[in-house]
PDB file of N, CA and C in Angstrom:
ATOM      1  N   UNK A   1     -35.151  21.805   1.010  1.00  0.00           N
ATOM      2  CA  UNK A   1     -35.582  23.184   1.449  1.00  0.00           C
ATOM      3  C   UNK A   1     -36.391  23.351   2.695  1.00  0.00           C
ATOM      4  N   UNK A   2     -36.181  23.888   3.548  1.00  0.00           N
ATOM      5  CA  UNK A   2     -37.056  23.992   4.776  1.00  0.00           C
ATOM      6  C   UNK A   2     -37.317  25.205   5.413  1.00  0.00           C
ATOM      7  N   UNK A   3     -38.348  25.615   5.830  1.00  0.00           N
ATOM      8  CA  UNK A   3     -38.984  27.049   6.254  1.00  0.00           C
ATOM      9  C   UNK A   3     -39.549  26.713   7.871  1.00  0.00           C
ATOM     10  N   UNK A   4     -39.094  27.665   8.430  1.00  0.00           N
ATOM     11  CA  UNK A   4     -39.546  27.778   9.691  1.00  0.00           C
ATOM     12  C   UNK A   4     -40.460  29.054  10.032  1.00  0.00           C
ATOM     13  N   UNK A   5     -41.821  28.736  10.157  1.00  0.00           N
ATOM     14  CA  UNK A   5     -42.521  30.022  10.293  1.00  0.00           C
ATOM     15  C   UNK A   5     -43.151  30.030  11.862  1.00  0.00           C
ATOM     16  N   UNK A   6     -43.542  31.352  12.505  1.00  0.00           N
ATOM     17  CA  UNK A   6     -44.098  31.344  13.586  1.00  0.00           C
ATOM     18  C   UNK A   6     -45.260  30.594  13.688  1.00  0.00           C
ATOM     19  N   UNK A   7     -45.298  29.994  15.240  1.00  0.00           N
ATOM     20  CA  UNK A   7     -46.621  29.260  15.472  1.00  0.00           C
ATOM     21  C   UNK A   7     -47.858  30.256  15.999  1.00  0.00           C
ATOM     22  N   UNK A   8     -48.676  30.266  15.252  1.00  0.00           N
ATOM     23  CA  UNK A   8     -49.724  31.379  15.612  1.00  0.00           C
ATOM     24  C   UNK A   8     -51.134  30.612  16.190  1.00  0.00           C
ATOM     25  N   UNK A   9     -51.046  29.200  16.109  1.00  0.00           N
ATOM     26  CA  UNK A   9     -51.969  28.571  16.704  1.00  0.00           C
ATOM     27  C   UNK A   9     -51.651  27.262  16.722  1.00  0.00           C
ATOM     28  N   UNK A  10     -52.084  26.316  17.791  1.00  0.00           N
ATOM     29  CA  UNK A  10     -51.783  24.779  17.730  1.00  0.00           C
ATOM     30  C   UNK A  10     -50.504  24.642  18.438  1.00  0.00           C
ATOM     31  N   UNK A  11     -49.714  23.726  17.980  1.00  0.00           N
ATOM     32  CA  UNK A  11     -48.322  23.250  18.418  1.00  0.00           C
ATOM     33  C   UNK A  11     -47.449  23.044  17.480  1.00  0.00           C
ATOM     34  N   UNK A  12     -46.052  23.093  17.723  1.00  0.00           N
ATOM     35  CA  UNK A  12     -45.036  22.814  16.961  1.00  0.00           C
ATOM     36  C   UNK A  12     -44.527  21.424  17.024  1.00  0.00           C
ATOM     37  N   UNK A  13     -44.408  20.486  16.136  1.00  0.00           N
ATOM     38  CA  UNK A  13     -43.767  19.622  16.265  1.00  0.00           C
ATOM     39  C   UNK A  13     -42.349  19.391  15.835  1.00  0.00           C
ATOM     40  N   UNK A  14     -41.277  18.992  16.845  1.00  0.00           N
ATOM     41  CA  UNK A  14     -40.097  18.999  16.115  1.00  0.00           C
ATOM     42  C   UNK A  14     -39.586  17.378  16.518  1.00  0.00           C
ATOM     43  N   UNK A  15     -38.827  17.047  15.183  1.00  0.00           N
ATOM     44  CA  UNK A  15     -38.023  15.827  15.307  1.00  0.00           C
ATOM     45  C   UNK A  15     -36.595  15.905  15.421  1.00  0.00           C
ATOM     46  N   UNK A  16     -35.908  15.247  16.439  1.00  0.00           N
ATOM     47  CA  UNK A  16     -34.612  15.453  16.644  1.00  0.00           C
ATOM     48  C   UNK A  16     -34.026  14.273  16.840  1.00  0.00           C
ATOM     49  N   UNK A  17     -32.778  13.909  16.295  1.00  0.00           N
ATOM     50  CA  UNK A  17     -31.949  12.409  16.347  1.00  0.00           C
ATOM     51  C   UNK A  17     -30.691  12.565  16.106  1.00  0.00           C
ATOM     52  N   UNK A  18     -30.194  11.770  16.856  1.00  0.00           N
ATOM     53  CA  UNK A  18     -28.546  11.550  16.770  1.00  0.00           C
ATOM     54  C   UNK A  18     -28.083  10.136  16.016  1.00  0.00           C
ATOM     55  N   UNK A  19     -27.348  10.068  15.065  1.00  0.00           N
ATOM     56  CA  UNK A  19     -26.964   8.855  14.400  1.00  0.00           C
ATOM     57  C   UNK A  19     -25.638   8.534  15.239  1.00  0.00           C
ATOM     58  N   UNK A  20     -25.619   7.350  15.486  1.00  0.00           N
ATOM     59  CA  UNK A  20     -24.384   6.832  16.043  1.00  0.00           C
ATOM     60  C   UNK A  20     -23.858   5.618  15.392  1.00  0.00           C
ATOM     61  N   UNK A  21     -22.558   5.462  15.051  1.00  0.00           N
ATOM     62  CA  UNK A  21     -22.066   4.476  14.409  1.00  0.00           C
ATOM     63  C   UNK A  21     -21.549   3.367  15.318  1.00  0.00           C
ATOM     64  N   UNK A  22     -21.718   2.289  15.432  1.00  0.00           N
ATOM     65  CA  UNK A  22     -21.255   1.350  16.452  1.00  0.00           C
ATOM     66  C   UNK A  22     -20.065   0.217  15.872  1.00  0.00           C
ATOM     67  N   UNK A  23     -20.150   0.484  14.711  1.00  0.00           N
ATOM     68  CA  UNK A  23     -19.253  -0.956  14.070  1.00  0.00           C
ATOM     69  C   UNK A  23     -18.052  -0.168  13.589  1.00  0.00           C
ATOM     70  N   UNK A  24     -17.125  -1.134  13.370  1.00  0.00           N
ATOM     71  CA  UNK A  24     -15.581  -0.558  12.959  1.00  0.00           C
ATOM     72  C   UNK A  24     -15.527   0.492  11.711  1.00  0.00           C
ATOM     73  N   UNK A  25     -14.663   1.248  11.684  1.00  0.00           N
ATOM     74  CA  UNK A  25     -14.337   1.896  10.333  1.00  0.00           C
ATOM     75  C   UNK A  25     -15.073   3.372  10.525  1.00  0.00           C
ATOM     76  N   UNK A  26     -14.833   4.050   9.533  1.00  0.00           N
ATOM     77  CA  UNK A  26     -15.521   5.292   9.208  1.00  0.00           C
ATOM     78  C   UNK A  26     -16.710   5.408   8.338  1.00  0.00           C
ATOM     79  N   UNK A  27     -17.687   6.198   8.752  1.00  0.00           N
ATOM     80  CA  UNK A  27     -18.979   6.381   8.252  1.00  0.00           C
ATOM     81  C   UNK A  27     -19.042   7.416   7.173  1.00  0.00           C
ATOM     82  N   UNK A  28     -19.523   6.929   5.925  1.00  0.00           N
ATOM     83  CA  UNK A  28     -19.644   8.011   4.799  1.00  0.00           C
ATOM     84  C   UNK A  28     -21.007   8.231   4.200  1.00  0.00           C
ATOM     85  N   UNK A  29     -21.394   9.255   3.985  1.00  0.00           N
ATOM     86  CA  UNK A  29     -22.450   9.544   3.288  1.00  0.00           C
ATOM     87  C   UNK A  29     -22.707   8.718   1.985  1.00  0.00           C
ATOM     88  N   UNK A  30     -23.899   8.206   1.337  1.00  0.00           N
ATOM     89  CA  UNK A  30     -24.160   7.779   0.396  1.00  0.00           C
ATOM     90  C   UNK A  30     -23.627   8.471  -0.885  1.00  0.00           C
ATOM     91  N   UNK A  31     -23.680   9.921  -0.906  1.00  0.00           N
ATOM     92  CA  UNK A  31     -23.121  11.009  -1.896  1.00  0.00           C
ATOM     93  C   UNK A  31     -21.806  10.629  -2.216  1.00  0.00           C
ATOM     94  N   UNK A  32     -21.077  10.368  -0.953  1.00  0.00           N
ATOM     95  CA  UNK A  32     -19.538  10.036  -1.143  1.00  0.00           C
ATOM     96  C   UNK A  32     -19.349   8.796  -1.777  1.00  0.00           C
ATOM     97  N   UNK A  33     -20.049   7.834  -1.770  1.00  0.00           N
ATOM     98  CA  UNK A  33     -19.807   6.582  -2.302  1.00  0.00           C
ATOM     99  C   UNK A  33     -20.133   6.763  -3.899  1.00  0.00           C
ATOM    100  N   UNK A  34     -21.424   7.213  -4.243  1.00  0.00           N
ATOM    101  CA  UNK A  34     -21.857   7.095  -5.440  1.00  0.00           C
ATOM    102  C   UNK A  34     -21.011   7.633  -6.582  1.00  0.00           C
ATOM    103  N   UNK A  35     -20.639   9.062  -6.585  1.00  0.00           N
ATOM    104  CA  UNK A  35     -19.846   9.538  -7.422  1.00  0.00           C
ATOM    105  C   UNK A  35     -18.394   9.098  -7.732  1.00  0.00           C
ATOM    106  N   UNK A  36     -17.670   8.726  -6.895  1.00  0.00           N
ATOM    107  CA  UNK A  36     -16.209   8.183  -7.269  1.00  0.00           C
ATOM    108  C   UNK A  36     -16.486   6.593  -7.673  1.00  0.00           C
ATOM    109  N   UNK A  37     -17.446   5.973  -7.388  1.00  0.00           N
ATOM    110  CA  UNK A  37     -17.639   4.591  -8.298  1.00  0.00           C
ATOM    111  C   UNK A  37     -17.969   4.834  -9.601  1.00  0.00           C
ATOM    112  N   UNK A  38     -18.784   5.797 -10.029  1.00  0.00           N
ATOM    113  CA  UNK A  38     -19.110   6.007 -11.400  1.00  0.00           C
ATOM    114  C   UNK A  38     -17.891   6.476 -12.245  1.00  0.00           C
ATOM    115  N   UNK A  39     -17.126   7.172 -11.724  1.00  0.00           N
ATOM    116  CA  UNK A  39     -15.991   7.645 -12.180  1.00  0.00           C
ATOM    117  C   UNK A  39     -14.840   6.593 -12.219  1.00  0.00           C
ATOM    118  N   UNK A  40     -14.900   6.019 -11.266  1.00  0.00           N
ATOM    119  CA  UNK A  40     -14.026   4.924 -11.243  1.00  0.00           C
ATOM    120  C   UNK A  40     -14.252   3.888 -12.385  1.00  0.00           C
ATOM    121  N   UNK A  41     -15.572   3.606 -12.500  1.00  0.00           N
ATOM    122  CA  UNK A  41     -15.770   2.582 -13.667  1.00  0.00           C
ATOM    123  C   UNK A  41     -15.381   3.226 -14.861  1.00  0.00           C
ATOM    124  N   UNK A  42     -15.701   4.405 -15.223  1.00  0.00           N
ATOM    125  CA  UNK A  42     -15.309   4.985 -16.501  1.00  0.00           C
ATOM    126  C   UNK A  42     -13.912   4.925 -16.693  1.00  0.00           C
ATOM    127  N   UNK A  43     -13.126   5.047 -15.799  1.00  0.00           N
ATOM    128  CA  UNK A  43     -11.613   5.205 -15.796  1.00  0.00           C
ATOM    129  C   UNK A  43     -11.084   3.738 -16.129  1.00  0.00           C
ATOM    130  N   UNK A  44     -11.811   2.786 -15.444  1.00  0.00           N
ATOM    131  CA  UNK A  44     -11.106   1.141 -15.659  1.00  0.00           C
ATOM    132  C   UNK A  44     -11.399   1.000 -16.930  1.00  0.00           C
ATOM    133  N   UNK A  45     -12.896   1.187 -17.216  1.00  0.00           N
ATOM    134  CA  UNK A  45     -13.205   0.755 -18.681  1.00  0.00           C
ATOM    135  C   UNK A  45     -12.562   1.156 -19.759  1.00  0.00           C
ATOM    136  N   UNK A  46     -12.211   2.669 -19.740  1.00  0.00           N
ATOM    137  CA  UNK A  46     -11.212   3.382 -20.852  1.00  0.00           C
ATOM    138  C   UNK A  46      -9.852   2.862 -20.708  1.00  0.00           C
ATOM    139  N   UNK A  47      -9.235   2.390 -19.509  1.00  0.00           N
ATOM    140  CA  UNK A  47      -8.167   1.779 -19.685  1.00  0.00           C
ATOM    141  C   UNK A  47      -8.165   0.554 -20.013  1.00  0.00           C
ATOM    142  N   UNK A  48      -9.097  -0.303 -19.684  1.00  0.00           N
ATOM    143  CA  UNK A  48      -9.143  -1.719 -20.401  1.00  0.00           C
ATOM    144  C   UNK A  48      -9.549  -1.562 -21.817  1.00  0.00           C
ATOM    145  N   UNK A  49     -10.085  -0.804 -22.308  1.00  0.00           N
ATOM    146  CA  UNK A  49     -10.084  -0.865 -23.892  1.00  0.00           C
ATOM    147  C   UNK A  49      -8.869  -0.232 -24.552  1.00  0.00           C
ATOM    148  N   UNK A  50      -7.969   0.828 -23.713  1.00  0.00           N
ATOM    149  CA  UNK A  50      -6.869   0.927 -24.485  1.00  0.00           C
ATOM    150  C   UNK A  50      -5.687  -0.241 -24.027  1.00  0.00           C
ATOM    151  N   UNK A  51      -5.870  -0.935 -23.258  1.00  0.00           N
ATOM    152  CA  UNK A  51      -4.896  -1.909 -23.009  1.00  0.00           C
ATOM    153  C   UNK A  51      -5.156  -3.264 -23.825  1.00  0.00           C
ATOM    154  N   UNK A  52      -6.395  -3.200 -24.456  1.00  0.00           N
ATOM    155  CA  UNK A  52      -6.653  -4.368 -25.308  1.00  0.00           C
ATOM    156  C   UNK A  52      -6.339  -3.867 -26.484  1.00  0.00           C
ATOM    157  N   UNK A  53      -6.409  -2.708 -27.266  1.00  0.00           N
ATOM    158  CA  UNK A  53      -6.417  -2.363 -28.338  1.00  0.00           C
ATOM    159  C   UNK A  53      -5.088  -1.597 -28.656  1.00  0.00           C
ATOM    160  N   UNK A  54      -4.008  -1.377 -27.746  1.00  0.00           N
ATOM    161  CA  UNK A  54      -2.845  -0.879 -27.999  1.00  0.00           C
ATOM    162  C   UNK A  54      -1.845  -1.611 -27.389  1.00  0.00           C
ATOM    163  N   UNK A  55      -0.438  -1.438 -27.516  1.00  0.00           N
ATOM    164  CA  UNK A  55       0.650  -2.152 -26.739  1.00  0.00           C
ATOM    165  C   UNK A  55       1.041  -1.247 -25.865  1.00  0.00           C
ATOM    166  N   UNK A  56       0.650  -0.004 -25.791  1.00  0.00           N
ATOM    167  CA  UNK A  56       1.355   1.093 -25.096  1.00  0.00           C
ATOM    168  C   UNK A  56       0.556   1.431 -23.561  1.00  0.00           C
ATOM    169  N   UNK A  57      -0.747   0.790 -23.494  1.00  0.00           N
ATOM    170  CA  UNK A  57      -1.094   1.176 -22.028  1.00  0.00           C
ATOM    171  C   UNK A  57      -0.384   0.052 -20.987  1.00  0.00           C
ATOM    172  N   UNK A  58      -0.189   0.584 -19.704  1.00  0.00           N
ATOM    173  CA  UNK A  58       0.429  -0.224 -18.866  1.00  0.00           C
ATOM    174  C   UNK A  58      -0.486  -1.412 -18.155  1.00  0.00           C
ATOM    175  N   UNK A  59       0.253  -2.463 -18.120  1.00  0.00           N
ATOM    176  CA  UNK A  59      -0.559  -3.575 -17.424  1.00  0.00           C
ATOM    177  C   UNK A  59      -1.127  -3.637 -16.039  1.00  0.00           C
ATOM    178  N   UNK A  60      -0.598  -2.741 -15.237  1.00  0.00           N
ATOM    179  CA  UNK A  60      -0.846  -2.805 -13.856  1.00  0.00           C
ATOM    180  C   UNK A  60      -1.114  -1.090 -13.703  1.00  0.00           C
ATOM    181  N   UNK A  61      -2.166  -0.792 -12.714  1.00  0.00           N
ATOM    182  CA  UNK A  61      -2.421   0.491 -12.142  1.00  0.00           C
ATOM    183  C   UNK A  61      -2.259   0.520 -10.688  1.00  0.00           C
ATOM    184  N   UNK A  62      -1.336   1.504 -10.198  1.00  0.00           N
ATOM    185  CA  UNK A  62      -1.151   1.663  -8.805  1.00  0.00           C
ATOM    186  C   UNK A  62      -1.910   2.832  -8.242  1.00  0.00           C
ATOM    187  N   UNK A  63      -2.654   2.915  -7.030  1.00  0.00           N
ATOM    188  CA  UNK A  63      -3.243   4.074  -6.431  1.00  0.00           C
ATOM    189  C   UNK A  63      -2.157   4.017  -5.144  1.00  0.00           C
ATOM    190  N   UNK A  64      -1.752   5.074  -4.859  1.00  0.00           N
ATOM    191  CA  UNK A  64      -1.002   5.321  -3.408  1.00  0.00           C
ATOM    192  C   UNK A  64      -2.024   5.985  -2.377  1.00  0.00           C
ATOM    193  N   UNK A  65      -1.951   5.226  -1.299  1.00  0.00           N
ATOM    194  CA  UNK A  65      -2.578   5.625  -0.229  1.00  0.00           C
ATOM    195  C   UNK A  65      -2.063   6.833   0.569  1.00  0.00           C
ATOM    196  N   UNK A  66      -2.766   7.631   1.104  1.00  0.00           N
ATOM    197  CA  UNK A  66      -2.322   8.680   1.698  1.00  0.00           C
ATOM    198  C   UNK A  66      -1.329   8.529   3.098  1.00  0.00           C
ATOM    199  N   UNK A  67      -2.164   7.375   3.906  1.00  0.00           N
ATOM    200  CA  UNK A  67      -1.092   7.099   5.199  1.00  0.00           C
ATOM    201  C   UNK A  67      -0.267   5.895   4.895  1.00  0.00           C
ATOM    202  N   UNK A  68       0.795   5.664   5.731  1.00  0.00           N
ATOM    203  CA  UNK A  68       1.578   4.846   5.627  1.00  0.00           C
ATOM    204  C   UNK A  68       1.294   3.573   6.500  1.00  0.00           C
ATOM    205  N   UNK A  69       1.567   2.363   6.062  1.00  0.00           N
ATOM    206  CA  UNK A  69       0.925   1.277   6.934  1.00  0.00           C
ATOM    207  C   UNK A  69       2.049   0.114   7.091  1.00  0.00           C
ATOM    208  N   UNK A  70       2.093  -0.386   8.073  1.00  0.00           N
ATOM    209  CA  UNK A  70       2.892  -1.588   8.414  1.00  0.00           C
ATOM    210  C   UNK A  70       2.293  -2.972   7.502  1.00  0.00           C
ATOM    211  N   UNK A  71       3.304  -3.835   7.284  1.00  0.00           N
ATOM    212  CA  UNK A  71       2.595  -4.973   6.444  1.00  0.00           C
ATOM    213  C   UNK A  71       1.625  -5.840   7.374  1.00  0.00           C
ATOM    214  N   UNK A  72       1.814  -5.622   8.654  1.00  0.00           N
ATOM    215  CA  UNK A  72       0.542  -6.159   9.520  1.00  0.00           C
ATOM    216  C   UNK A  72      -0.723  -5.327   9.580  1.00  0.00           C
ATOM    217  N   UNK A  73      -0.566  -4.118   9.186  1.00  0.00           N
ATOM    218  CA  UNK A  73      -2.200  -3.206   9.242  1.00  0.00           C
ATOM    219  C   UNK A  73      -2.360  -3.122   7.853  1.00  0.00           C
ATOM    220  N   UNK A  74      -1.724  -3.568   7.089  1.00  0.00           N
ATOM    221  CA  UNK A  74      -2.284  -3.440   5.241  1.00  0.00           C
ATOM    222  C   UNK A  74      -3.587  -4.235   5.148  1.00  0.00           C
ATOM    223  N   UNK A  75      -4.467  -3.938   5.698  1.00  0.00           N
ATOM    224  CA  UNK A  75      -5.795  -4.850   5.477  1.00  0.00           C
ATOM    225  C   UNK A  75      -6.879  -3.754   5.216  1.00  0.00           C
ATOM    226  N   UNK A  76      -7.757  -4.067   4.627  1.00  0.00           N
ATOM    227  CA  UNK A  76      -9.120  -3.116   4.367  1.00  0.00           C
ATOM    228  C   UNK A  76      -9.526  -2.547   5.435  1.00  0.00           C
ATOM    229  N   UNK A  77     -10.030  -3.481   6.643  1.00  0.00           N
ATOM    230  CA  UNK A  77     -10.631  -3.091   7.752  1.00  0.00           C
ATOM    231  C   UNK A  77      -9.766  -2.029   8.667  1.00  0.00           C
ATOM    232  N   UNK A  78      -8.551  -1.989   8.293  1.00  0.00           N
ATOM    233  CA  UNK A  78      -7.535  -1.500   9.203  1.00  0.00           C
ATOM    234  C   UNK A  78      -7.115   0.021   8.447  1.00  0.00           C
ATOM    235  N   UNK A  79      -7.567   0.268   7.543  1.00  0.00           N
ATOM    236  CA  UNK A  79      -7.163   1.644   6.632  1.00  0.00           C
ATOM    237  C   UNK A  79      -7.542   2.848   7.499  1.00  0.00           C
ATOM    238  N   UNK A  80      -7.048   4.035   7.307  1.00  0.00           N
ATOM    239  CA  UNK A  80      -7.458   5.013   7.899  1.00  0.00           C
ATOM    240  C   UNK A  80      -8.130   5.750   6.956  1.00  0.00           C
ATOM    241  N   UNK A  81      -9.365   6.679   7.534  1.00  0.00           N
ATOM    242  CA  UNK A  81     -10.010   7.922   6.982  1.00  0.00           C
ATOM    243  C   UNK A  81     -10.239   7.606   5.399  1.00  0.00           C
ATOM    244  N   UNK A  82     -10.019   8.418   4.385  1.00  0.00           N
ATOM    245  CA  UNK A  82     -10.269   8.357   3.216  1.00  0.00           C
ATOM    246  C   UNK A  82      -9.562   6.997   2.734  1.00  0.00           C
ATOM    247  N   UNK A  83      -8.418   6.474   2.922  1.00  0.00           N
ATOM    248  CA  UNK A  83      -7.918   5.421   2.567  1.00  0.00           C
ATOM    249  C   UNK A  83      -9.006   4.420   2.378  1.00  0.00           C
ATOM    250  N   UNK A  84      -9.652   4.215   3.534  1.00  0.00           N
ATOM    251  CA  UNK A  84     -10.463   3.075   3.806  1.00  0.00           C
ATOM    252  C   UNK A  84     -11.448   3.081   2.662  1.00  0.00           C
ATOM    253  N   UNK A  85     -12.180   4.258   2.452  1.00  0.00           N
ATOM    254  CA  UNK A  85     -13.295   4.448   1.583  1.00  0.00           C
ATOM    255  C   UNK A  85     -12.883   4.363   0.280  1.00  0.00           C
ATOM    256  N   UNK A  86     -11.503   4.766  -0.205  1.00  0.00           N
ATOM    257  CA  UNK A  86     -11.391   4.650  -1.502  1.00  0.00           C
ATOM    258  C   UNK A  86     -10.822   3.057  -1.905  1.00  0.00           C
ATOM    259  N   UNK A  87     -10.368   2.522  -0.775  1.00  0.00           N
ATOM    260  CA  UNK A  87      -9.814   1.094  -1.065  1.00  0.00           C
ATOM    261  C   UNK A  87     -11.047   0.301  -1.050  1.00  0.00           C
ATOM    262  N   UNK A  88     -11.824   0.266  -0.510  1.00  0.00           N
ATOM    263  CA  UNK A  88     -13.048  -0.642  -0.678  1.00  0.00           C
ATOM    264  C   UNK A  88     -13.947  -0.403  -1.706  1.00  0.00           C
ATOM    265  N   UNK A  89     -13.788   1.056  -2.079  1.00  0.00           N
ATOM    266  CA  UNK A  89     -14.632   1.288  -3.278  1.00  0.00           C
ATOM    267  C   UNK A  89     -13.844   0.739  -4.572  1.00  0.00           C
ATOM    268  N   UNK A  90     -12.563   0.859  -4.661  1.00  0.00           N
ATOM    269  CA  UNK A  90     -11.749   0.145  -5.690  1.00  0.00           C
ATOM    270  C   UNK A  90     -12.013  -1.274  -5.589  1.00  0.00           C
ATOM    271  N   UNK A  91     -11.913  -1.912  -4.528  1.00  0.00           N
ATOM    272  CA  UNK A  91     -12.041  -3.365  -4.471  1.00  0.00           C
ATOM    273  C   UNK A  91     -13.387  -3.830  -4.872  1.00  0.00           C
ATOM    274  N   UNK A  92     -14.400  -3.111  -4.579  1.00  0.00           N
ATOM    275  CA  UNK A  92     -15.763  -3.475  -5.128  1.00  0.00           C
ATOM    276  C   UNK A  92     -16.171  -3.084  -6.501  1.00  0.00           C
ATOM    277  N   UNK A  93     -15.635  -2.094  -6.969  1.00  0.00           N
ATOM    278  CA  UNK A  93     -15.736  -1.688  -8.335  1.00  0.00           C
ATOM    279  C   UNK A  93     -15.000  -2.853  -9.254  1.00  0.00           C
ATOM    280  N   UNK A  94     -13.643  -2.902  -8.859  1.00  0.00           N
ATOM    281  CA  UNK A  94     -12.854  -3.897  -9.449  1.00  0.00           C
ATOM    282  C   UNK A  94     -13.264  -5.069  -9.928  1.00  0.00           C
ATOM    283  N   UNK A  95     -13.960  -5.735  -8.616  1.00  0.00           N
ATOM    284  CA  UNK A  95     -14.498  -6.945  -8.560  1.00  0.00           C
ATOM    285  C   UNK A  95     -15.656  -7.177  -9.373  1.00  0.00           C
ATOM    286  N   UNK A  96     -16.442  -6.039  -9.483  1.00  0.00           N
ATOM    287  CA  UNK A  96     -17.598  -6.044 -10.390  1.00  0.00           C
ATOM    288  C   UNK A  96     -17.429  -6.080 -11.892  1.00  0.00           C
ATOM    289  N   UNK A  97     -16.032  -5.269 -12.356  1.00  0.00           N
ATOM    290  CA  UNK A  97     -15.959  -5.242 -13.557  1.00  0.00           C
ATOM    291  C   UNK A  97     -14.626  -6.529 -13.997  1.00  0.00           C
ATOM    292  N   UNK A  98     -14.451  -7.206 -13.052  1.00  0.00           N
ATOM    293  CA  UNK A  98     -13.443  -8.143 -13.558  1.00  0.00           C
ATOM    294  C   UNK A  98     -12.067  -7.921 -13.193  1.00  0.00           C
ATOM    295  N   UNK A  99     -11.544  -7.061 -12.290  1.00  0.00           N
ATOM    296  CA  UNK A  99     -10.125  -6.606 -11.937  1.00  0.00           C
ATOM    297  C   UNK A  99      -9.592  -7.309 -10.788  1.00  0.00           C
ATOM    298  N   UNK A 100      -8.707  -7.376 -10.665  1.00  0.00           N
ATOM    299  CA  UNK A 100      -7.911  -8.118  -9.234  1.00  0.00           C
ATOM    300  C   UNK A 100      -7.596  -6.927  -8.798  1.00  0.00           C
ATOM    301  N   UNK A 101      -7.838  -6.725  -7.404  1.00  0.00           N
ATOM    302  CA  UNK A 101      -7.301  -5.431  -6.489  1.00  0.00           C
ATOM    303  C   UNK A 101      -6.458  -5.796  -5.478  1.00  0.00           C
ATOM    304  N   UNK A 102      -5.339  -5.668  -5.190  1.00  0.00           N
ATOM    305  CA  UNK A 102      -4.788  -5.953  -3.997  1.00  0.00           C
ATOM    306  C   UNK A 102      -4.129  -4.811  -3.224  1.00  0.00           C
ATOM    307  N   UNK A 103      -3.917  -4.762  -1.849  1.00  0.00           N
ATOM    308  CA  UNK A 103      -3.145  -4.009  -1.037  1.00  0.00           C
ATOM    309  C   UNK A 103      -1.730  -4.474  -1.077  1.00  0.00           C
ATOM    310  N   UNK A 104      -0.871  -3.699  -1.149  1.00  0.00           N
ATOM    311  CA  UNK A 104       0.590  -4.083  -1.060  1.00  0.00           C
ATOM    312  C   UNK A 104       1.327  -3.125  -0.716  1.00  0.00           C
ATOM    313  N   UNK A 105       2.692  -3.414  -0.097  1.00  0.00           N
ATOM    314  CA  UNK A 105       3.839  -2.412   0.146  1.00  0.00           C
ATOM    315  C   UNK A 105       4.922  -2.475  -1.106  1.00  0.00           C
ATOM    316  N   UNK A 106       5.174  -1.250  -1.548  1.00  0.00           N
ATOM    317  CA  UNK A 106       6.079  -1.110  -2.524  1.00  0.00           C
ATOM    318  C   UNK A 106       7.424  -0.215  -2.249  1.00  0.00           C
ATOM    319  N   UNK A 107       8.422  -0.553  -2.447  1.00  0.00           N
ATOM    320  CA  UNK A 107       9.699   0.287  -2.391  1.00  0.00           C
ATOM    321  C   UNK A 107      10.232   0.274  -3.871  1.00  0.00           C
ATOM    322  N   UNK A 108      10.666   1.282  -4.165  1.00  0.00           N
ATOM    323  CA  UNK A 108      11.344   1.783  -5.522  1.00  0.00           C
ATOM    324  C   UNK A 108      12.721   2.287  -5.110  1.00  0.00           C
ATOM    325  N   UNK A 109      13.665   1.778  -5.872  1.00  0.00           N
ATOM    326  CA  UNK A 109      14.921   2.253  -5.688  1.00  0.00           C
ATOM    327  C   UNK A 109      15.643   2.700  -7.002  1.00  0.00           C
TER     328      UNK A 109
END
């Protein structure tokens, strides 16, 4: 919380800045990364426990991206918008928890 009061004596000090991203990809805040990672860990842990203890759990999980990609552009660094954040989070959390995560094209008839 901040407050701006009138200057009655002395000087007012103001700090302004612009943040510029020069690298590839879309930047996201730390808050955007934290919460999904924790939820994803809970989901993967729960799924793994039911897969180990029952025969009814699916052997693979699929997450469908928002955008459509050609086979040539189906790489983590070339994903667009939210797809890039979600796929990288899934890849990192999956690796941390011992899951294999792949990007793939799928057609179902």
